[in-house]
Amino acid sequence: MNMKQDTQQAHDTETGPLRPRRRVAKQVLERGERLRQRAGVIIGLSLGLVALLTILE
C-alpha cells in the first residue's frame, strides 16, 4: 500500500508542473492563430484596395 502512495505522489509531482506549460503553449497557439487571421484580413483588404485603385485609374 505504501508503494502505491509513493508512486502516486511521484506521479503527481511529475504532472503538476506540466499543466501550466500546456496552458501557456495552448495560449501561444491561439494567439498565433488570431495573428494569422488578422494578417489574412489585412492582406485581403490591401489587395482589394489596390485592385479598386487600379480600376479607378
N, C-alpha and C. Protein backbone atom coordinates (compact mmCIF):
# COMPACT_ATOMS: atom_id res chain seq x y z
N MET A 1 0.83 -1.19 0.00
CA MET A 1 0.00 0.00 0.00
C MET A 1 0.87 1.25 0.00
N ASN A 2 1.97 1.22 0.75
CA ASN A 2 2.86 2.36 0.82
C ASN A 2 3.51 2.64 -0.53
N MET A 3 3.80 1.58 -1.28
CA MET A 3 4.39 1.74 -2.61
C MET A 3 3.43 2.47 -3.53
N LYS A 4 2.14 2.18 -3.42
CA LYS A 4 1.15 2.85 -4.26
C LYS A 4 1.12 4.35 -3.96
N GLN A 5 1.18 4.70 -2.69
CA GLN A 5 1.15 6.11 -2.32
C GLN A 5 2.40 6.82 -2.82
N ASP A 6 3.55 6.18 -2.70
CA ASP A 6 4.80 6.78 -3.18
C ASP A 6 4.74 6.98 -4.69
N THR A 7 4.21 5.99 -5.39
CA THR A 7 4.11 6.08 -6.84
C THR A 7 3.14 7.19 -7.23
N GLN A 8 2.02 7.30 -6.52
CA GLN A 8 1.04 8.34 -6.81
C GLN A 8 1.62 9.72 -6.55
N GLN A 9 2.36 9.88 -5.45
CA GLN A 9 2.97 11.16 -5.15
C GLN A 9 4.01 11.53 -6.20
N ALA A 10 4.79 10.57 -6.63
CA ALA A 10 5.79 10.83 -7.67
C ALA A 10 5.10 11.23 -8.97
N HIS A 11 4.00 10.56 -9.27
CA HIS A 11 3.24 10.89 -10.48
C HIS A 11 2.65 12.29 -10.39
N ASP A 12 2.14 12.65 -9.23
CA ASP A 12 1.56 13.98 -9.04
C ASP A 12 2.61 15.07 -9.22
N THR A 13 3.80 14.85 -8.70
CA THR A 13 4.84 15.87 -8.83
C THR A 13 5.33 15.97 -10.27
N GLU A 14 5.24 14.88 -11.02
CA GLU A 14 5.67 14.93 -12.43
C GLU A 14 4.65 15.65 -13.29
N THR A 15 3.36 15.42 -13.05
CA THR A 15 2.34 16.02 -13.90
C THR A 15 1.96 17.42 -13.45
N GLY A 16 2.20 17.76 -12.19
CA GLY A 16 1.83 19.07 -11.67
C GLY A 16 2.43 20.23 -12.46
N PRO A 17 3.75 20.29 -12.61
CA PRO A 17 4.36 21.42 -13.32
C PRO A 17 4.03 21.46 -14.80
N LEU A 18 3.62 20.36 -15.39
CA LEU A 18 3.35 20.34 -16.83
C LEU A 18 2.06 21.05 -17.19
N ARG A 19 1.12 21.08 -16.30
CA ARG A 19 -0.17 21.69 -16.63
C ARG A 19 -0.06 23.17 -17.00
N PRO A 20 0.64 24.00 -16.23
CA PRO A 20 0.76 25.41 -16.65
C PRO A 20 1.47 25.55 -17.99
N ARG A 21 2.47 24.70 -18.24
CA ARG A 21 3.18 24.77 -19.52
C ARG A 21 2.23 24.48 -20.67
N ARG A 22 1.38 23.49 -20.49
CA ARG A 22 0.42 23.15 -21.55
C ARG A 22 -0.53 24.31 -21.79
N ARG A 23 -0.94 24.96 -20.71
CA ARG A 23 -1.85 26.08 -20.83
C ARG A 23 -1.17 27.23 -21.58
N VAL A 24 0.10 27.48 -21.25
CA VAL A 24 0.85 28.54 -21.92
C VAL A 24 1.01 28.20 -23.39
N ALA A 25 1.34 26.96 -23.68
CA ALA A 25 1.51 26.55 -25.08
C ALA A 25 0.20 26.70 -25.84
N LYS A 26 -0.90 26.36 -25.20
CA LYS A 26 -2.20 26.50 -25.85
C LYS A 26 -2.51 27.97 -26.13
N GLN A 27 -2.18 28.83 -25.19
CA GLN A 27 -2.41 30.26 -25.38
C GLN A 27 -1.54 30.81 -26.51
N VAL A 28 -0.31 30.35 -26.60
CA VAL A 28 0.59 30.80 -27.67
C VAL A 28 0.03 30.38 -29.03
N LEU A 29 -0.47 29.16 -29.11
CA LEU A 29 -1.04 28.69 -30.38
C LEU A 29 -2.28 29.49 -30.75
N GLU A 30 -3.13 29.78 -29.75
CA GLU A 30 -4.33 30.57 -30.03
C GLU A 30 -3.97 31.97 -30.50
N ARG A 31 -2.96 32.56 -29.88
CA ARG A 31 -2.53 33.90 -30.30
C ARG A 31 -1.99 33.86 -31.72
N GLY A 32 -1.25 32.81 -32.05
CA GLY A 32 -0.71 32.66 -33.39
C GLY A 32 -1.82 32.54 -34.43
N GLU A 33 -2.86 31.79 -34.08
CA GLU A 33 -4.00 31.65 -35.00
C GLU A 33 -4.68 32.99 -35.21
N ARG A 34 -4.87 33.74 -34.14
CA ARG A 34 -5.51 35.05 -34.26
C ARG A 34 -4.67 36.00 -35.11
N LEU A 35 -3.35 35.95 -34.91
CA LEU A 35 -2.48 36.82 -35.70
C LEU A 35 -2.54 36.46 -37.18
N ARG A 36 -2.57 35.16 -37.48
CA ARG A 36 -2.68 34.74 -38.89
C ARG A 36 -4.00 35.18 -39.50
N GLN A 37 -5.07 35.10 -38.72
CA GLN A 37 -6.37 35.55 -39.22
C GLN A 37 -6.35 37.04 -39.50
N ARG A 38 -5.79 37.80 -38.57
CA ARG A 38 -5.72 39.25 -38.76
C ARG A 38 -4.85 39.60 -39.95
N ALA A 39 -3.73 38.90 -40.10
CA ALA A 39 -2.85 39.15 -41.23
C ALA A 39 -3.58 38.85 -42.54
N GLY A 40 -4.35 37.78 -42.56
CA GLY A 40 -5.11 37.44 -43.76
C GLY A 40 -6.13 38.51 -44.11
N VAL A 41 -6.79 39.04 -43.11
CA VAL A 41 -7.77 40.10 -43.34
C VAL A 41 -7.08 41.36 -43.87
N ILE A 42 -5.97 41.71 -43.26
CA ILE A 42 -5.24 42.92 -43.69
C ILE A 42 -4.73 42.76 -45.11
N ILE A 43 -4.18 41.61 -45.43
CA ILE A 43 -3.69 41.36 -46.80
C ILE A 43 -4.84 41.41 -47.78
N GLY A 44 -5.96 40.79 -47.44
CA GLY A 44 -7.14 40.80 -48.32
C GLY A 44 -7.64 42.21 -48.56
N LEU A 45 -7.73 42.99 -47.50
CA LEU A 45 -8.18 44.38 -47.66
C LEU A 45 -7.20 45.20 -48.50
N SER A 46 -5.93 44.97 -48.29
CA SER A 46 -4.92 45.71 -49.06
C SER A 46 -5.01 45.36 -50.54
N LEU A 47 -5.14 44.10 -50.84
CA LEU A 47 -5.25 43.69 -52.25
C LEU A 47 -6.53 44.24 -52.87
N GLY A 48 -7.61 44.23 -52.13
CA GLY A 48 -8.86 44.78 -52.63
C GLY A 48 -8.76 46.27 -52.89
N LEU A 49 -8.09 46.98 -52.00
CA LEU A 49 -7.91 48.42 -52.18
C LEU A 49 -7.02 48.71 -53.39
N VAL A 50 -5.96 47.95 -53.55
CA VAL A 50 -5.09 48.13 -54.72
C VAL A 50 -5.85 47.85 -56.00
N ALA A 51 -6.65 46.80 -56.01
CA ALA A 51 -7.44 46.47 -57.20
C ALA A 51 -8.45 47.60 -57.50
N LEU A 52 -9.08 48.12 -56.47
CA LEU A 52 -10.04 49.20 -56.66
C LEU A 52 -9.35 50.45 -57.21
N LEU A 53 -8.21 50.80 -56.65
CA LEU A 53 -7.50 51.98 -57.13
C LEU A 53 -6.99 51.77 -58.55
N THR A 54 -6.62 50.57 -58.91
CA THR A 54 -6.16 50.28 -60.26
C THR A 54 -7.31 50.43 -61.26
N ILE A 55 -8.48 49.98 -60.88
CA ILE A 55 -9.64 50.08 -61.77
C ILE A 55 -10.05 51.54 -61.95
N LEU A 56 -9.98 52.32 -60.89
CA LEU A 56 -10.43 53.71 -60.95
C LEU A 56 -9.47 54.58 -61.76
N GLU A 57 -8.24 54.17 -61.91
CA GLU A 57 -7.30 54.98 -62.69
C GLU A 57 -7.49 54.74 -64.11
